[in-house]
N, C-alpha and C. Protein backbone atom coordinates (compact mmCIF):
# COMPACT_ATOMS: atom_id res chain seq x y z
N MET A 1 392.39 164.54 222.44
CA MET A 1 392.34 165.33 223.65
C MET A 1 392.16 166.80 223.28
N ASN A 2 391.28 167.46 223.99
CA ASN A 2 391.06 168.89 223.77
C ASN A 2 392.28 169.68 224.24
N HIS A 3 392.45 170.87 223.66
CA HIS A 3 393.63 171.67 223.98
C HIS A 3 393.54 172.34 225.35
N SER A 4 392.59 173.21 225.56
CA SER A 4 392.54 173.93 226.83
C SER A 4 391.13 174.40 227.14
N VAL A 5 390.93 174.69 228.40
CA VAL A 5 389.65 175.13 228.93
C VAL A 5 389.57 176.65 228.85
N THR A 6 388.39 177.17 228.58
CA THR A 6 388.20 178.62 228.67
C THR A 6 387.89 178.95 230.13
N PRO A 7 388.69 179.81 230.75
CA PRO A 7 388.46 180.13 232.16
C PRO A 7 387.10 180.78 232.39
N THR A 8 386.55 180.53 233.55
CA THR A 8 385.28 181.15 233.94
C THR A 8 385.52 182.13 235.08
N ARG A 9 384.55 182.97 235.31
CA ARG A 9 384.62 183.91 236.43
C ARG A 9 384.83 183.14 237.74
N GLU A 10 384.10 182.04 237.90
CA GLU A 10 384.20 181.25 239.12
C GLU A 10 385.59 180.66 239.31
N ASN A 11 386.20 180.15 238.20
CA ASN A 11 387.55 179.59 238.28
C ASN A 11 388.56 180.64 238.73
N ILE A 12 388.48 181.81 238.10
CA ILE A 12 389.42 182.89 238.41
C ILE A 12 389.23 183.35 239.85
N GLU A 13 387.99 183.56 240.24
CA GLU A 13 387.72 184.02 241.60
C GLU A 13 388.18 182.99 242.63
N ASP A 14 387.98 181.72 242.35
CA ASP A 14 388.41 180.66 243.27
C ASP A 14 389.91 180.71 243.50
N VAL A 15 390.68 180.82 242.44
CA VAL A 15 392.14 180.85 242.57
C VAL A 15 392.60 182.12 243.27
N LEU A 16 392.10 183.28 242.84
CA LEU A 16 392.59 184.54 243.39
C LEU A 16 392.15 184.79 244.83
N THR A 17 390.96 184.32 245.21
CA THR A 17 390.55 184.50 246.61
C THR A 17 391.40 183.66 247.53
N LYS A 18 391.80 182.49 247.10
CA LYS A 18 392.67 181.64 247.92
C LYS A 18 394.09 182.19 247.98
N LEU A 19 394.51 182.81 246.91
CA LEU A 19 395.88 183.27 246.79
C LEU A 19 396.10 184.66 247.38
N LEU A 20 395.17 185.57 247.16
CA LEU A 20 395.39 186.98 247.53
C LEU A 20 394.50 187.48 248.66
N ASP A 21 393.18 187.34 248.50
CA ASP A 21 392.27 187.92 249.48
C ASP A 21 390.89 187.29 249.26
N PRO A 22 390.27 186.77 250.33
CA PRO A 22 388.96 186.12 250.15
C PRO A 22 387.85 187.08 249.72
N ARG A 23 388.12 188.39 249.75
CA ARG A 23 387.10 189.38 249.37
C ARG A 23 387.21 189.83 247.92
N ILE A 24 388.12 189.26 247.17
CA ILE A 24 388.30 189.65 245.75
C ILE A 24 386.99 189.45 244.99
N LYS A 25 386.71 190.38 244.11
CA LYS A 25 385.53 190.30 243.24
C LYS A 25 385.99 190.20 241.79
N VAL A 26 385.41 189.26 241.08
CA VAL A 26 385.74 189.04 239.67
C VAL A 26 384.45 189.15 238.87
N SER A 27 384.50 189.89 237.78
CA SER A 27 383.34 189.98 236.89
C SER A 27 383.82 189.87 235.44
N VAL A 28 382.95 189.33 234.61
CA VAL A 28 383.27 189.23 233.19
C VAL A 28 383.14 190.62 232.58
N SER A 29 384.11 190.99 231.78
CA SER A 29 384.14 192.31 231.14
C SER A 29 383.65 192.19 229.70
N ASN A 30 383.11 193.26 229.20
CA ASN A 30 382.70 193.31 227.79
C ASN A 30 383.83 193.75 226.88
N GLU A 31 384.97 194.04 227.46
CA GLU A 31 386.12 194.51 226.68
C GLU A 31 386.72 193.36 225.87
N ASP A 32 387.38 193.71 224.78
CA ASP A 32 388.13 192.72 224.01
C ASP A 32 389.42 192.40 224.75
N ALA A 33 390.13 191.41 224.25
CA ALA A 33 391.42 191.06 224.82
C ALA A 33 392.34 192.27 224.80
N LEU A 34 393.17 192.36 225.81
CA LEU A 34 394.07 193.50 225.94
C LEU A 34 395.16 193.45 224.89
N ASP A 35 395.54 194.60 224.39
CA ASP A 35 396.65 194.65 223.43
C ASP A 35 397.89 195.26 224.07
N ARG A 36 397.84 195.45 225.38
CA ARG A 36 398.98 196.00 226.11
C ARG A 36 398.92 195.46 227.53
N GLY A 37 400.05 195.10 228.07
CA GLY A 37 400.11 194.57 229.42
C GLY A 37 401.24 193.58 229.56
N ILE A 38 401.15 192.76 230.58
CA ILE A 38 402.14 191.72 230.81
C ILE A 38 401.53 190.42 230.33
N ALA A 39 402.17 189.79 229.35
CA ALA A 39 401.60 188.61 228.69
C ALA A 39 402.27 187.34 229.19
N SER A 40 401.44 186.38 229.58
CA SER A 40 401.91 185.07 230.01
C SER A 40 401.48 184.04 228.96
N VAL A 41 402.44 183.26 228.49
CA VAL A 41 402.17 182.25 227.47
C VAL A 41 402.18 180.88 228.14
N TYR A 42 401.12 180.10 227.89
CA TYR A 42 400.99 178.76 228.44
C TYR A 42 401.14 177.75 227.32
N SER A 43 401.94 176.71 227.56
CA SER A 43 402.25 175.74 226.52
C SER A 43 401.91 174.32 226.95
N SER A 44 401.78 173.47 225.94
CA SER A 44 401.57 172.05 226.17
C SER A 44 402.91 171.39 226.47
N LYS A 45 402.87 170.11 226.81
CA LYS A 45 404.14 169.41 227.08
C LYS A 45 404.99 169.29 225.82
N GLU A 46 404.38 169.49 224.65
CA GLU A 46 405.12 169.49 223.40
C GLU A 46 405.65 170.89 223.06
N SER A 47 405.52 171.80 224.00
CA SER A 47 405.97 173.20 223.86
C SER A 47 405.21 173.97 222.79
N GLU A 48 403.96 173.60 222.56
CA GLU A 48 403.11 174.35 221.64
C GLU A 48 402.28 175.35 222.44
N ASN A 49 402.31 176.61 222.02
CA ASN A 49 401.53 177.64 222.71
C ASN A 49 400.05 177.33 222.55
N ARG A 50 399.35 177.27 223.70
CA ARG A 50 397.92 176.95 223.68
C ARG A 50 397.04 178.04 224.28
N ALA A 51 397.63 178.91 225.11
CA ALA A 51 396.83 179.95 225.75
C ALA A 51 397.71 181.13 226.13
N LEU A 52 397.07 182.29 226.22
CA LEU A 52 397.72 183.52 226.69
C LEU A 52 396.88 184.09 227.81
N CYS A 53 397.56 184.74 228.74
CA CYS A 53 396.88 185.57 229.74
C CYS A 53 397.56 186.93 229.70
N VAL A 54 396.79 187.97 229.48
CA VAL A 54 397.35 189.31 229.46
C VAL A 54 396.76 190.08 230.63
N ALA A 55 397.65 190.58 231.49
CA ALA A 55 397.24 191.41 232.63
C ALA A 55 397.58 192.85 232.32
N ASP A 56 396.63 193.75 232.54
CA ASP A 56 397.00 195.14 232.38
C ASP A 56 398.00 195.51 233.48
N PHE A 57 398.68 196.63 233.30
CA PHE A 57 399.73 197.03 234.23
C PHE A 57 399.20 197.10 235.66
N GLY A 58 397.99 197.65 235.82
CA GLY A 58 397.39 197.75 237.15
C GLY A 58 397.21 196.40 237.80
N MET A 59 396.73 195.41 237.05
CA MET A 59 396.52 194.08 237.60
C MET A 59 397.84 193.48 238.06
N ALA A 60 398.87 193.59 237.24
CA ALA A 60 400.17 193.00 237.60
C ALA A 60 400.73 193.66 238.86
N VAL A 61 400.69 194.98 238.92
CA VAL A 61 401.22 195.71 240.07
C VAL A 61 400.41 195.40 241.33
N LEU A 62 399.09 195.49 241.22
CA LEU A 62 398.24 195.34 242.40
C LEU A 62 398.22 193.89 242.91
N ALA A 63 398.14 192.93 242.01
CA ALA A 63 398.14 191.53 242.43
C ALA A 63 399.51 191.15 243.01
N GLY A 64 400.58 191.56 242.33
CA GLY A 64 401.92 191.27 242.84
C GLY A 64 402.17 191.91 244.18
N SER A 65 401.71 193.14 244.35
CA SER A 65 401.88 193.84 245.63
C SER A 65 401.05 193.20 246.73
N SER A 66 399.82 192.83 246.41
CA SER A 66 398.96 192.17 247.39
C SER A 66 399.57 190.84 247.83
N PHE A 67 400.09 190.08 246.88
CA PHE A 67 400.72 188.78 247.16
C PHE A 67 401.88 188.95 248.14
N LEU A 68 402.65 190.01 247.97
CA LEU A 68 403.81 190.28 248.83
C LEU A 68 403.45 191.08 250.07
N GLU A 69 402.18 191.50 250.16
CA GLU A 69 401.70 192.34 251.26
C GLU A 69 402.47 193.67 251.34
N ILE A 70 402.78 194.21 250.16
CA ILE A 70 403.40 195.53 250.07
C ILE A 70 402.33 196.57 250.41
N PRO A 71 402.66 197.59 251.18
CA PRO A 71 401.66 198.61 251.51
C PRO A 71 401.00 199.19 250.26
N VAL A 72 399.70 199.46 250.39
CA VAL A 72 398.90 199.98 249.28
C VAL A 72 399.52 201.25 248.70
N GLU A 73 400.03 202.11 249.55
CA GLU A 73 400.62 203.38 249.08
C GLU A 73 401.79 203.11 248.13
N GLN A 74 402.62 202.13 248.45
CA GLN A 74 403.76 201.80 247.59
C GLN A 74 403.28 201.21 246.27
N ALA A 75 402.22 200.41 246.31
CA ALA A 75 401.66 199.86 245.07
C ALA A 75 401.16 200.99 244.18
N HIS A 76 400.47 201.95 244.78
CA HIS A 76 399.95 203.08 244.00
C HIS A 76 401.06 203.97 243.47
N GLU A 77 402.18 204.05 244.17
CA GLU A 77 403.34 204.79 243.66
C GLU A 77 403.87 204.13 242.38
N MET A 78 403.88 202.80 242.35
CA MET A 78 404.32 202.10 241.14
C MET A 78 403.36 202.39 239.99
N LEU A 79 402.06 202.40 240.28
CA LEU A 79 401.07 202.72 239.23
C LEU A 79 401.30 204.11 238.67
N THR A 80 401.56 205.05 239.56
CA THR A 80 401.77 206.44 239.15
C THR A 80 403.06 206.58 238.33
N SER A 81 404.12 205.92 238.77
CA SER A 81 405.41 206.04 238.08
C SER A 81 405.46 205.24 236.79
N GLY A 82 404.60 204.22 236.67
CA GLY A 82 404.62 203.37 235.49
C GLY A 82 405.74 202.34 235.50
N GLU A 83 406.37 202.16 236.67
CA GLU A 83 407.46 201.18 236.78
C GLU A 83 407.13 200.18 237.87
N ILE A 84 407.29 198.91 237.54
CA ILE A 84 407.02 197.83 238.47
C ILE A 84 408.34 197.34 239.07
N ARG A 85 408.38 197.22 240.37
CA ARG A 85 409.59 196.73 241.04
C ARG A 85 409.81 195.26 240.68
N SER A 86 411.06 194.85 240.63
CA SER A 86 411.39 193.48 240.18
C SER A 86 410.73 192.42 241.05
N GLU A 87 410.68 192.63 242.37
CA GLU A 87 410.07 191.61 243.24
C GLU A 87 408.56 191.53 243.04
N VAL A 88 407.95 192.63 242.67
CA VAL A 88 406.51 192.63 242.40
C VAL A 88 406.24 191.91 241.08
N LEU A 89 407.06 192.15 240.07
CA LEU A 89 406.93 191.43 238.80
C LEU A 89 407.14 189.94 239.03
N GLN A 90 408.12 189.59 239.83
CA GLN A 90 408.39 188.17 240.12
C GLN A 90 407.19 187.53 240.82
N SER A 91 406.58 188.25 241.75
CA SER A 91 405.41 187.67 242.43
C SER A 91 404.23 187.57 241.47
N TYR A 92 404.08 188.54 240.55
CA TYR A 92 403.02 188.40 239.55
C TYR A 92 403.27 187.17 238.67
N LYS A 93 404.53 186.91 238.33
CA LYS A 93 404.84 185.71 237.53
C LYS A 93 404.41 184.44 238.27
N GLU A 94 404.59 184.43 239.58
CA GLU A 94 404.13 183.27 240.36
C GLU A 94 402.62 183.15 240.31
N ILE A 95 401.92 184.27 240.38
CA ILE A 95 400.46 184.25 240.25
C ILE A 95 400.07 183.72 238.88
N ALA A 96 400.75 184.19 237.83
CA ALA A 96 400.47 183.70 236.46
C ALA A 96 400.70 182.20 236.37
N ASN A 97 401.72 181.72 237.04
CA ASN A 97 402.00 180.28 237.05
C ASN A 97 400.85 179.52 237.70
N ILE A 98 400.38 180.01 238.83
CA ILE A 98 399.28 179.35 239.54
C ILE A 98 397.98 179.43 238.72
N LEU A 99 397.80 180.50 237.97
CA LEU A 99 396.61 180.65 237.13
C LEU A 99 396.54 179.60 236.02
N SER A 100 397.62 178.89 235.76
CA SER A 100 397.56 177.81 234.76
C SER A 100 396.49 176.79 235.14
N ARG A 101 396.16 176.70 236.42
CA ARG A 101 395.11 175.77 236.88
C ARG A 101 393.77 176.04 236.21
N VAL A 102 393.48 177.30 235.90
CA VAL A 102 392.17 177.62 235.32
C VAL A 102 392.09 177.21 233.84
N LEU A 103 393.20 176.77 233.29
CA LEU A 103 393.25 176.35 231.88
C LEU A 103 393.23 174.84 231.72
N CYS A 104 393.10 174.12 232.82
CA CYS A 104 393.16 172.66 232.80
C CYS A 104 391.91 172.06 233.44
N ASP A 105 391.54 170.88 232.94
CA ASP A 105 390.41 170.15 233.49
C ASP A 105 390.50 168.73 232.95
N ASP A 106 389.70 167.81 233.50
CA ASP A 106 389.68 166.44 232.99
C ASP A 106 389.37 166.45 231.50
N GLY A 107 390.08 165.65 230.75
CA GLY A 107 389.86 165.55 229.31
C GLY A 107 390.60 166.59 228.50
N TYR A 108 391.35 167.46 229.17
CA TYR A 108 392.12 168.50 228.50
C TYR A 108 393.60 168.31 228.83
N GLU A 109 394.45 168.72 227.91
CA GLU A 109 395.87 168.62 228.21
C GLU A 109 396.28 169.62 229.28
N ASN A 110 397.25 169.24 230.10
CA ASN A 110 397.75 170.15 231.12
C ASN A 110 398.68 171.16 230.48
N LEU A 111 398.48 172.41 230.83
CA LEU A 111 399.32 173.48 230.31
C LEU A 111 400.22 173.99 231.42
N ARG A 112 401.37 174.50 231.02
CA ARG A 112 402.32 175.07 231.98
C ARG A 112 402.68 176.47 231.52
N LEU A 113 403.04 177.29 232.49
CA LEU A 113 403.51 178.63 232.15
C LEU A 113 404.84 178.48 231.46
N ASP A 114 404.96 179.07 230.28
CA ASP A 114 406.17 178.96 229.49
C ASP A 114 407.00 180.23 229.60
N THR A 115 406.41 181.36 229.22
CA THR A 115 407.13 182.63 229.16
C THR A 115 406.24 183.76 229.66
N VAL A 116 406.84 184.72 230.34
CA VAL A 116 406.13 185.94 230.71
C VAL A 116 406.85 187.11 230.05
N TYR A 117 406.11 187.84 229.21
CA TYR A 117 406.67 189.00 228.51
C TYR A 117 406.32 190.26 229.28
N PRO A 118 407.31 191.07 229.63
CA PRO A 118 407.03 192.32 230.32
C PRO A 118 406.29 193.31 229.43
N LEU A 119 405.78 194.33 230.07
CA LEU A 119 405.09 195.41 229.38
C LEU A 119 405.92 195.91 228.21
N ASP A 120 405.28 196.10 227.08
CA ASP A 120 405.91 196.65 225.87
C ASP A 120 406.96 195.75 225.23
N ALA A 121 407.03 194.47 225.63
CA ALA A 121 408.00 193.56 225.02
C ALA A 121 407.33 192.65 223.98
N TRP A 122 406.08 192.94 223.63
CA TRP A 122 405.35 192.10 222.69
C TRP A 122 404.25 192.94 222.03
N THR A 123 403.69 192.39 220.99
CA THR A 123 402.52 192.98 220.34
C THR A 123 401.52 191.87 220.08
N SER A 124 400.27 192.23 219.80
CA SER A 124 399.28 191.20 219.50
C SER A 124 399.69 190.43 218.24
N ASN A 125 400.42 191.06 217.34
CA ASN A 125 400.91 190.35 216.16
C ASN A 125 402.02 189.37 216.51
N SER A 126 402.96 189.79 217.36
CA SER A 126 404.08 188.91 217.69
C SER A 126 403.62 187.68 218.47
N LEU A 127 402.53 187.80 219.21
CA LEU A 127 402.00 186.65 219.94
C LEU A 127 400.89 185.94 219.17
N GLU A 128 400.66 186.36 217.94
CA GLU A 128 399.73 185.70 217.03
C GLU A 128 398.33 185.55 217.63
N TYR A 129 397.74 186.66 218.06
CA TYR A 129 396.39 186.62 218.62
C TYR A 129 395.41 185.89 217.72
N SER A 130 395.60 186.00 216.43
CA SER A 130 394.63 185.43 215.48
C SER A 130 394.54 183.91 215.57
N ARG A 131 395.52 183.25 216.15
CA ARG A 131 395.49 181.78 216.23
C ARG A 131 394.63 181.26 217.36
N TYR A 132 394.17 182.15 218.24
CA TYR A 132 393.35 181.74 219.37
C TYR A 132 391.88 181.93 219.05
N GLN A 133 391.08 180.90 219.30
CA GLN A 133 389.67 180.93 218.92
C GLN A 133 388.78 181.64 219.92
N THR A 134 389.17 181.65 221.19
CA THR A 134 388.30 182.16 222.24
C THR A 134 389.03 183.18 223.09
N SER A 135 388.34 184.25 223.44
CA SER A 135 388.92 185.18 224.41
C SER A 135 387.85 185.56 225.42
N VAL A 136 388.31 185.76 226.65
CA VAL A 136 387.43 186.19 227.73
C VAL A 136 388.23 187.14 228.61
N THR A 137 387.58 188.21 229.03
CA THR A 137 388.25 189.25 229.81
C THR A 137 387.52 189.43 231.13
N PHE A 138 388.30 189.64 232.18
CA PHE A 138 387.75 189.78 233.53
C PHE A 138 388.22 191.07 234.19
N ASP A 139 387.31 191.72 234.90
CA ASP A 139 387.67 192.83 235.77
C ASP A 139 387.88 192.24 237.16
N ILE A 140 389.00 192.59 237.77
CA ILE A 140 389.36 192.04 239.08
C ILE A 140 389.46 193.20 240.07
N GLU A 141 388.73 193.12 241.17
CA GLU A 141 388.78 194.14 242.23
C GLU A 141 389.46 193.53 243.44
N ILE A 142 390.66 194.04 243.77
CA ILE A 142 391.42 193.57 244.92
C ILE A 142 391.18 194.56 246.05
N PRO A 143 390.51 194.13 247.12
CA PRO A 143 390.18 195.05 248.21
C PRO A 143 391.40 195.84 248.70
N GLU A 144 391.17 197.11 248.90
CA GLU A 144 392.14 198.09 249.38
C GLU A 144 393.20 198.46 248.34
N TYR A 145 393.49 197.58 247.38
CA TYR A 145 394.52 197.87 246.38
C TYR A 145 393.94 198.55 245.15
N GLY A 146 392.86 198.01 244.62
CA GLY A 146 392.26 198.59 243.43
C GLY A 146 391.89 197.54 242.41
N ALA A 147 391.65 197.99 241.18
CA ALA A 147 391.13 197.11 240.13
C ALA A 147 392.14 196.93 239.01
N GLY A 148 392.03 195.79 238.35
CA GLY A 148 392.83 195.49 237.19
C GLY A 148 392.05 194.61 236.25
N VAL A 149 392.67 194.27 235.13
CA VAL A 149 392.01 193.47 234.10
C VAL A 149 392.90 192.30 233.71
N LEU A 150 392.29 191.13 233.55
CA LEU A 150 392.95 189.94 233.02
C LEU A 150 392.19 189.48 231.78
N ALA A 151 392.90 189.19 230.72
CA ALA A 151 392.28 188.65 229.51
C ALA A 151 392.95 187.33 229.18
N PHE A 152 392.14 186.33 228.85
CA PHE A 152 392.66 185.03 228.45
C PHE A 152 392.28 184.77 227.00
N LEU A 153 393.22 184.26 226.24
CA LEU A 153 392.97 183.82 224.87
C LEU A 153 393.37 182.35 224.81
N VAL A 154 392.46 181.50 224.34
CA VAL A 154 392.72 180.07 224.33
C VAL A 154 392.42 179.45 222.97
N GLN A 155 393.07 178.34 222.70
CA GLN A 155 392.82 177.58 221.47
C GLN A 155 391.78 176.52 221.74
């Protein structure tokens, strides 16, 4: 059985438009995987890490705020202050959990969200970036809220 699927722009857009806003725009970025942000680790049923999703701070704040329907001004205040409210982080974790769908398909093992590391609680070395063979990065535009970046690393 193959380990995991590499997410596509269409997969990401499908999930996020249903979850947050049907007008969301997703594009593939030329950037490398992020080395800073909120990292979500996805594991197999044997608890082996198989994929990572790293959201830049803007993506976590804006997606979490949009999910909770927090006013745009309050979301932008969090961006300016550099601090994410606990309920917004919790809602981003739920989004990360739902994004596990983009890592699964027929013939591949099902992955589950294992751990979410807050900003500055990890490094690319501590999460062993080198063990992942594929990375893909997406620019996400959430209408009225703004833009963020999601990077996936998969085995």
